[in-house]
């Protein structure tokens, strides 16, 4: 009788690799169990803290979901596209638009013309203004179009006195002012490395232009006790934007100026002020980036943005104007701390800069 020899096979246990979060919860569980064994009375204290943590988590989750899907966002981006307000009836016949020969300003002019508004278009080039007037006249032949040649980069204050004189004949009919004219640097860069002329241009166009155009139009609105001022800010005003510091600061100024106007003249004089803070839009202003020049879901073209933004008038006094930009703002506000915003902005701007002299 032979006995077969059976080889012993070592028993091998497989251990699941723990993540740091898993290790944290394992340690906390061990500590809680140890406390319970030391003094059973502490069990109730631990359970109380657990319940408080659960309640906080549920409230935080509900708050995030509520912020994302609240009625204001629904009203701004969805309901506004289903039901258009009669802006001509609410505010008045004429709409004044600065920077009206290209990009967002041009598309605002076209959309207002479709809605029956007469237009006062302000731009730097007479040739471009004539072309735009001809284009819009074909689109809406019954609309009256006035053009004013003005370069907001001009430091002479007489420029705005001249504009005000040209607006006098329409003062009682101007219901809407769109402060759209704006400039951005030729490419992202450190402050000292930016062109000094462009620094002055950012101040004159982005800040002084908004101040003085509002000063030219607002008295007539106050006299009629109705009017709308749309100020074009930017999502760059959300937090300081490295490599675009002057531009970011100028748009923060526009945001604060709009808020103070709304407080000073909103309820007392029925003047509505809307601050638009969009993210990137595919226009000539972002010609420094090949990525941003390609329109898409995140970076719409000027026509798509303008139609969406105009639809938000009367629904929100501060909005990005476009649904995907609103989603970006929400994500930044909830999940992106200051240090991460600064760090990511620095690297993103450098990454999408297509100019030869990137920083």
Protein backbone atom coordinates (compact mmCIF):
# COMPACT_ATOMS: atom_id res chain seq x y z
CA UNK A 1 0.00 0.00 0.00
CA UNK A 2 1.54 3.24 -1.15
CA UNK A 3 0.87 6.57 0.43
CA UNK A 4 0.83 9.48 -1.92
CA UNK A 5 2.65 12.49 -0.72
CA UNK A 6 0.56 15.64 -0.89
CA UNK A 7 2.50 18.85 -1.23
CA UNK A 8 1.38 21.62 1.00
CA UNK A 9 0.28 24.70 -0.87
CA UNK A 10 0.90 27.88 1.07
CA UNK A 11 -2.24 29.87 1.77
CA UNK A 12 -1.90 33.26 0.14
CA UNK A 13 -4.12 36.13 1.14
CA UNK A 14 -4.74 38.98 -1.24
CA UNK A 15 -4.91 42.38 0.35
CA UNK A 16 -6.87 45.10 -1.32
CA UNK A 17 -4.85 48.23 -1.80
CA UNK A 18 -6.29 50.94 0.37
CA UNK A 19 -6.65 54.51 -0.71
CA UNK A 20 -5.84 57.35 1.65
CA UNK A 21 -9.54 57.99 2.12
CA UNK A 22 -10.12 54.32 2.92
CA UNK A 23 -7.30 54.35 5.44
CA UNK A 24 -8.78 57.46 7.05
CA UNK A 25 -12.19 55.86 7.52
CA UNK A 26 -10.60 52.63 8.79
CA UNK A 27 -8.63 54.55 11.43
CA UNK A 28 -11.66 56.59 12.47
CA UNK A 29 -13.75 53.42 12.76
CA UNK A 30 -11.08 51.81 14.93
CA UNK A 31 -10.93 54.88 17.19
CA UNK A 32 -14.71 54.97 17.59
CA UNK A 33 -14.79 51.26 18.41
CA UNK A 34 -12.02 51.71 20.96
CA UNK A 35 -13.88 54.59 22.64
CA UNK A 36 -17.05 52.50 22.87
CA UNK A 37 -15.12 49.72 24.62
CA UNK A 38 -13.53 52.13 27.09
CA UNK A 39 -16.82 53.78 28.06
CA UNK A 40 -20.13 52.56 26.59
CA UNK A 41 -21.73 55.89 27.57
CA UNK A 42 -19.63 57.64 24.92
CA UNK A 43 -21.47 55.66 22.23
CA UNK A 44 -24.31 58.17 22.33
CA UNK A 45 -21.89 61.07 21.92
CA UNK A 46 -20.30 59.45 18.87
CA UNK A 47 -23.69 58.66 17.36
CA UNK A 48 -24.71 62.29 17.89
CA UNK A 49 -21.63 63.56 16.03
CA UNK A 50 -22.32 61.05 13.25
CA UNK A 51 -25.88 62.31 12.94
CA UNK A 52 -24.72 65.93 12.84
CA UNK A 53 -22.24 65.07 10.09
CA UNK A 54 -24.95 63.30 8.10
CA UNK A 55 -27.33 66.26 8.44
CA UNK A 56 -24.59 68.69 7.35
CA UNK A 57 -23.76 66.54 4.31
CA UNK A 58 -27.40 66.28 3.27
CA UNK A 59 -27.96 70.03 3.68
CA UNK A 60 -24.79 70.79 1.72
CA UNK A 61 -25.83 68.45 -1.08
CA UNK A 62 -29.33 69.92 -1.18
CA UNK A 63 -27.85 73.41 -1.29
CA UNK A 64 -25.59 72.56 -4.22
CA UNK A 65 -28.43 70.96 -6.17
CA UNK A 66 -30.72 73.86 -5.34
CA UNK A 67 -28.12 76.37 -6.51
CA UNK A 68 -27.66 74.49 -9.76
CA UNK A 69 -31.35 74.03 -10.53
CA UNK A 70 -32.91 77.02 -8.77
CA UNK A 71 -35.78 78.99 -10.27
CA UNK A 72 -33.56 81.92 -11.21
CA UNK A 73 -31.38 79.80 -13.48
CA UNK A 74 -34.44 78.14 -14.97
CA UNK A 75 -36.03 81.52 -15.59
CA UNK A 76 -32.80 82.97 -17.00
CA UNK A 77 -31.67 80.30 -19.42
CA UNK A 78 -34.74 78.20 -20.26
CA UNK A 79 -37.95 80.13 -19.77
CA UNK A 80 -36.39 83.22 -21.38
CA UNK A 81 -35.90 81.35 -24.65
CA UNK A 82 -39.50 80.13 -24.67
CA UNK A 83 -41.15 83.49 -24.01
CA UNK A 84 -39.61 86.78 -25.20
CA UNK A 85 -40.37 90.05 -23.46
CA UNK A 86 -41.39 93.08 -25.53
CA UNK A 87 -38.33 95.18 -24.72
CA UNK A 88 -39.43 98.03 -26.98
CA UNK A 89 -42.65 98.41 -25.01
CA UNK A 90 -40.94 98.06 -21.63
CA UNK A 91 -37.96 100.38 -22.16
CA UNK A 92 -38.37 102.46 -25.32
CA UNK A 93 -37.84 102.62 -29.07
CA UNK A 94 -34.11 103.32 -29.45
CA UNK A 95 -31.18 101.14 -28.41
CA UNK A 96 -27.69 102.66 -28.22
CA UNK A 97 -24.92 100.11 -28.79
CA UNK A 98 -21.19 100.80 -28.47
CA UNK A 99 -18.65 98.68 -30.32
CA UNK A 100 -21.40 97.88 -32.81
CA UNK A 101 -19.40 97.03 -35.94
CA UNK A 102 -18.09 93.60 -34.96
CA UNK A 103 -18.68 90.61 -32.74
CA UNK A 104 -21.16 90.83 -29.89
CA UNK A 105 -22.12 94.46 -30.55
CA UNK A 106 -23.01 93.71 -34.17
CA UNK A 107 -25.12 90.70 -33.20
CA UNK A 108 -26.90 92.73 -30.50
CA UNK A 109 -27.75 95.31 -33.17
CA UNK A 110 -29.14 92.65 -35.51
CA UNK A 111 -31.24 91.02 -32.80
CA UNK A 112 -32.65 94.33 -31.59
CA UNK A 113 -33.49 95.23 -35.20
CA UNK A 114 -35.38 91.94 -35.58
CA UNK A 115 -37.40 92.94 -32.52
CA UNK A 116 -38.30 96.29 -34.07
CA UNK A 117 -35.92 98.61 -32.23
CA UNK A 118 -34.44 101.67 -33.89
CA UNK A 119 -30.68 101.77 -33.42
CA UNK A 120 -27.93 104.24 -32.58
CA UNK A 121 -24.67 102.48 -33.41
CA UNK A 122 -21.30 103.75 -32.18
CA UNK A 123 -18.00 102.57 -33.65
CA UNK A 124 -14.52 103.72 -34.62
CA UNK A 125 -14.79 103.28 -38.39
CA UNK A 126 -17.26 105.15 -40.61
CA UNK A 127 -16.80 102.56 -43.34
CA UNK A 128 -17.70 99.71 -41.01
CA UNK A 129 -20.67 101.61 -39.61
CA UNK A 130 -21.98 102.23 -43.13
CA UNK A 131 -21.57 98.55 -43.95
CA UNK A 132 -23.42 97.51 -40.78
CA UNK A 133 -26.22 100.00 -41.46
CA UNK A 134 -26.66 98.58 -44.96
CA UNK A 135 -26.63 95.01 -43.65
CA UNK A 136 -29.21 95.67 -40.94
CA UNK A 137 -31.42 97.72 -43.27
CA UNK A 138 -31.67 94.65 -45.48
CA UNK A 139 -32.57 92.57 -42.45
CA UNK A 140 -35.19 95.00 -41.07
CA UNK A 141 -36.07 97.72 -43.58
CA UNK A 142 -38.48 99.59 -41.28
CA UNK A 143 -35.85 100.22 -38.59
CA UNK A 144 -34.27 103.67 -38.30
CA UNK A 145 -30.48 103.48 -37.89
CA UNK A 146 -28.25 106.32 -36.70
CA UNK A 147 -24.44 105.99 -36.67
CA UNK A 148 -21.88 107.89 -34.60
CA UNK A 149 -18.15 107.67 -35.25
CA UNK A 150 -16.19 107.66 -31.98
CA UNK A 151 -12.98 106.08 -30.75
CA UNK A 152 -13.17 105.50 -27.00
CA UNK A 153 -9.38 105.21 -26.85
CA UNK A 154 -9.33 108.99 -27.33
CA UNK A 155 -8.28 110.67 -24.08
CA UNK A 156 -9.93 113.98 -24.98
CA UNK A 157 -13.13 114.47 -22.90
CA UNK A 158 -14.62 116.48 -25.78
CA UNK A 159 -15.33 113.12 -27.43
CA UNK A 160 -18.17 112.38 -25.01
CA UNK A 161 -19.57 115.91 -25.17
CA UNK A 162 -19.80 115.42 -28.93
CA UNK A 163 -21.59 112.08 -28.52
CA UNK A 164 -24.02 113.61 -26.04
CA UNK A 165 -24.84 116.43 -28.47
CA UNK A 166 -25.54 113.90 -31.24
CA UNK A 167 -27.87 111.97 -28.92
CA UNK A 168 -29.95 115.01 -27.92
CA UNK A 169 -32.54 114.60 -30.67
CA UNK A 170 -33.25 111.03 -29.49
CA UNK A 171 -32.92 111.53 -25.74
CA UNK A 172 -36.63 111.08 -25.05
CA UNK A 173 -36.73 107.84 -27.06
CA UNK A 174 -33.58 106.05 -25.89
CA UNK A 175 -34.67 103.10 -23.79
CA UNK A 176 -31.62 100.84 -23.89
CA UNK A 177 -27.87 101.42 -23.63
CA UNK A 178 -25.52 98.51 -24.31
CA UNK A 179 -22.00 99.31 -23.07
CA UNK A 180 -20.39 96.66 -25.21
CA UNK A 181 -17.19 98.32 -26.45
CA UNK A 182 -14.18 96.67 -24.86
CA UNK A 183 -10.61 95.62 -25.46
CA UNK A 184 -8.37 92.80 -24.30
CA UNK A 185 -4.61 92.47 -24.43
CA UNK A 186 -3.02 91.01 -27.54
CA UNK A 187 -1.92 87.98 -25.51
CA UNK A 188 -1.66 86.89 -21.86
CA UNK A 189 1.43 88.28 -20.17
CA UNK A 190 2.85 89.69 -16.96
CA UNK A 191 1.90 93.29 -16.23
CA UNK A 192 5.28 94.93 -16.95
CA UNK A 193 5.62 92.92 -20.17
CA UNK A 194 2.29 94.21 -21.51
CA UNK A 195 2.30 97.03 -24.04
CA UNK A 196 1.79 100.33 -22.18
CA UNK A 197 -0.52 101.68 -24.88
CA UNK A 198 -2.74 98.63 -24.37
CA UNK A 199 -2.82 99.30 -20.62
CA UNK A 200 -4.16 102.80 -21.29
CA UNK A 201 -6.57 101.42 -23.87
CA UNK A 202 -8.01 98.99 -21.32
CA UNK A 203 -8.62 101.88 -18.93
CA UNK A 204 -10.09 104.27 -21.51
CA UNK A 205 -12.31 101.81 -23.35
CA UNK A 206 -13.30 99.31 -20.64
CA UNK A 207 -13.76 101.81 -17.81
CA UNK A 208 -14.01 105.44 -18.97
CA UNK A 209 -16.19 104.50 -21.95
CA UNK A 210 -18.74 102.80 -19.69
CA UNK A 211 -18.77 105.72 -17.24
CA UNK A 212 -19.21 108.48 -19.79
CA UNK A 213 -21.73 106.73 -22.05
CA UNK A 214 -23.87 106.01 -19.00
CA UNK A 215 -23.59 109.66 -18.00
CA UNK A 216 -24.71 110.72 -21.48
CA UNK A 217 -27.82 108.50 -21.60
CA UNK A 218 -28.96 108.08 -17.99
CA UNK A 219 -30.51 111.57 -17.44
CA UNK A 220 -33.06 110.96 -20.22
CA UNK A 221 -33.98 107.59 -18.72
CA UNK A 222 -34.42 109.17 -15.30
CA UNK A 223 -36.71 111.83 -16.76
CA UNK A 224 -38.91 109.14 -18.38
CA UNK A 225 -38.60 106.86 -15.35
CA UNK A 226 -37.71 103.80 -17.39
CA UNK A 227 -34.64 102.43 -19.10
CA UNK A 228 -32.14 99.59 -19.34
CA UNK A 229 -28.35 99.71 -19.16
CA UNK A 230 -26.45 96.57 -20.15
CA UNK A 231 -22.81 96.53 -19.05
CA UNK A 232 -20.47 93.97 -20.55
CA UNK A 233 -18.24 92.59 -17.81
CA UNK A 234 -16.56 89.17 -17.95
CA UNK A 235 -16.17 85.95 -16.00
CA UNK A 236 -12.59 87.23 -15.61
CA UNK A 237 -13.97 89.50 -12.87
CA UNK A 238 -14.91 86.49 -10.74
CA UNK A 239 -11.46 86.37 -9.19
CA UNK A 240 -8.08 87.98 -10.04
CA UNK A 241 -6.80 86.62 -13.35
CA UNK A 242 -3.01 86.34 -13.60
CA UNK A 243 -1.53 87.33 -17.00
CA UNK A 244 -4.69 89.36 -17.71
CA UNK A 245 -4.63 91.44 -14.53
CA UNK A 246 -5.58 94.85 -15.93
CA UNK A 247 -8.37 93.39 -18.06
CA UNK A 248 -9.69 91.38 -15.11
CA UNK A 249 -9.63 94.44 -12.83
CA UNK A 250 -11.37 96.62 -15.44
CA UNK A 251 -14.21 94.10 -15.69
CA UNK A 252 -14.52 93.97 -11.90
CA UNK A 253 -14.95 97.73 -12.01
CA UNK A 254 -17.77 97.33 -14.54
CA UNK A 255 -19.47 94.79 -12.26
CA UNK A 256 -19.31 97.03 -9.17
CA UNK A 257 -20.38 100.10 -11.13
CA UNK A 258 -23.44 98.24 -12.43
CA UNK A 259 -24.41 97.11 -8.92
CA UNK A 260 -24.20 100.64 -7.54
CA UNK A 261 -26.26 102.01 -10.44
CA UNK A 262 -28.94 99.39 -9.81
CA UNK A 263 -29.05 100.37 -6.15
CA UNK A 264 -29.12 104.13 -6.82
CA UNK A 265 -31.65 104.18 -9.67
CA UNK A 266 -33.37 100.80 -9.73
CA UNK A 267 -36.41 101.00 -7.49
CA UNK A 268 -36.49 104.78 -7.19
CA UNK A 269 -36.37 105.56 -10.93
CA UNK A 270 -37.26 102.23 -12.59
CA UNK A 271 -33.86 101.97 -14.30
CA UNK A 272 -32.80 98.36 -14.83
CA UNK A 273 -29.09 97.56 -14.93
CA UNK A 274 -27.88 94.21 -16.22
CA UNK A 275 -24.28 93.11 -15.77
CA UNK A 276 -23.17 90.40 -18.19
CA UNK A 277 -20.18 88.30 -17.16
CA UNK A 278 -19.64 85.76 -19.94
CA UNK A 279 -16.72 83.41 -20.34
CA UNK A 280 -14.80 83.27 -23.62
CA UNK A 281 -16.71 83.99 -26.84
CA UNK A 282 -15.30 83.28 -30.27
CA UNK A 283 -14.63 86.83 -31.53
CA UNK A 284 -11.64 88.88 -32.69
CA UNK A 285 -10.86 89.74 -29.07
CA UNK A 286 -9.47 86.24 -28.55
CA UNK A 287 -7.49 86.09 -31.78
CA UNK A 288 -4.42 85.29 -29.68
CA UNK A 289 -5.76 81.75 -29.17
CA UNK A 290 -6.45 79.26 -31.97
CA UNK A 291 -8.44 77.18 -29.47
CA UNK A 292 -10.86 80.00 -28.62
CA UNK A 293 -11.28 80.94 -32.27
CA UNK A 294 -13.16 77.68 -32.84
CA UNK A 295 -16.80 78.09 -31.70
CA UNK A 296 -18.29 75.29 -29.65
CA UNK A 297 -20.42 74.41 -26.66
CA UNK A 298 -18.12 76.13 -24.17
CA UNK A 299 -17.03 78.99 -26.42
CA UNK A 300 -20.04 80.09 -28.54
CA UNK A 301 -19.87 82.48 -31.46
CA UNK A 302 -21.14 86.04 -31.10
CA UNK A 303 -24.53 85.38 -32.71
CA UNK A 304 -25.35 82.46 -30.42
CA UNK A 305 -24.27 84.39 -27.35
CA UNK A 306 -26.12 87.61 -28.26
CA UNK A 307 -29.44 85.84 -28.82
CA UNK A 308 -29.11 84.05 -25.50
CA UNK A 309 -27.98 87.15 -23.59
CA UNK A 310 -30.74 89.40 -24.94
CA UNK A 311 -33.29 86.78 -23.91
CA UNK A 312 -32.08 87.11 -20.29
CA UNK A 313 -32.97 90.83 -20.13
CA UNK A 314 -35.66 91.33 -17.52
CA UNK A 315 -34.95 87.94 -15.96
CA UNK A 316 -31.60 88.54 -14.27
CA UNK A 317 -29.59 91.62 -13.29
CA UNK A 318 -26.32 89.65 -13.14
CA UNK A 319 -25.76 86.71 -15.45
CA UNK A 320 -23.22 85.13 -17.74
CA UNK A 321 -25.75 85.39 -20.55
CA UNK A 322 -25.19 81.85 -21.80
CA UNK A 323 -26.10 78.55 -20.16
CA UNK A 324 -22.71 76.79 -20.39
CA UNK A 325 -20.99 79.88 -19.01
CA UNK A 326 -23.50 79.86 -16.16
CA UNK A 327 -22.52 76.27 -15.47
CA UNK A 328 -18.85 77.27 -15.46
CA UNK A 329 -19.57 80.04 -12.95
CA UNK A 330 -21.43 77.59 -10.71
CA UNK A 331 -18.56 75.08 -10.78
CA UNK A 332 -15.98 77.79 -10.06
CA UNK A 333 -18.05 79.16 -7.19
CA UNK A 334 -18.64 75.81 -5.50
CA UNK A 335 -15.57 73.70 -6.22
CA UNK A 336 -12.65 76.00 -7.06
CA UNK A 337 -10.84 77.73 -4.16
CA UNK A 338 -8.83 80.90 -4.76
CA UNK A 339 -5.45 79.20 -4.94
CA UNK A 340 -6.67 76.66 -7.51
CA UNK A 341 -8.32 79.37 -9.63
CA UNK A 342 -5.08 81.37 -9.71
CA UNK A 343 -2.89 78.37 -10.45
CA UNK A 344 -5.16 76.89 -13.12
CA UNK A 345 -5.77 80.27 -14.79
CA UNK A 346 -2.04 80.81 -15.10
CA UNK A 347 -1.47 77.44 -16.77
CA UNK A 348 -4.63 77.49 -18.91
CA UNK A 349 -3.89 80.93 -20.35
CA UNK A 350 -0.34 79.90 -21.15
CA UNK A 351 -1.60 76.66 -22.67
CA UNK A 352 -4.11 78.23 -25.07
CA UNK A 353 -1.89 81.17 -26.07
CA UNK A 354 -0.96 80.67 -29.74
CA UNK A 355 1.15 83.81 -30.16
CA UNK A 356 4.91 83.48 -30.83
CA UNK A 357 5.80 85.57 -27.76
CA UNK A 358 3.90 83.59 -25.15
CA UNK A 359 5.09 84.19 -21.59
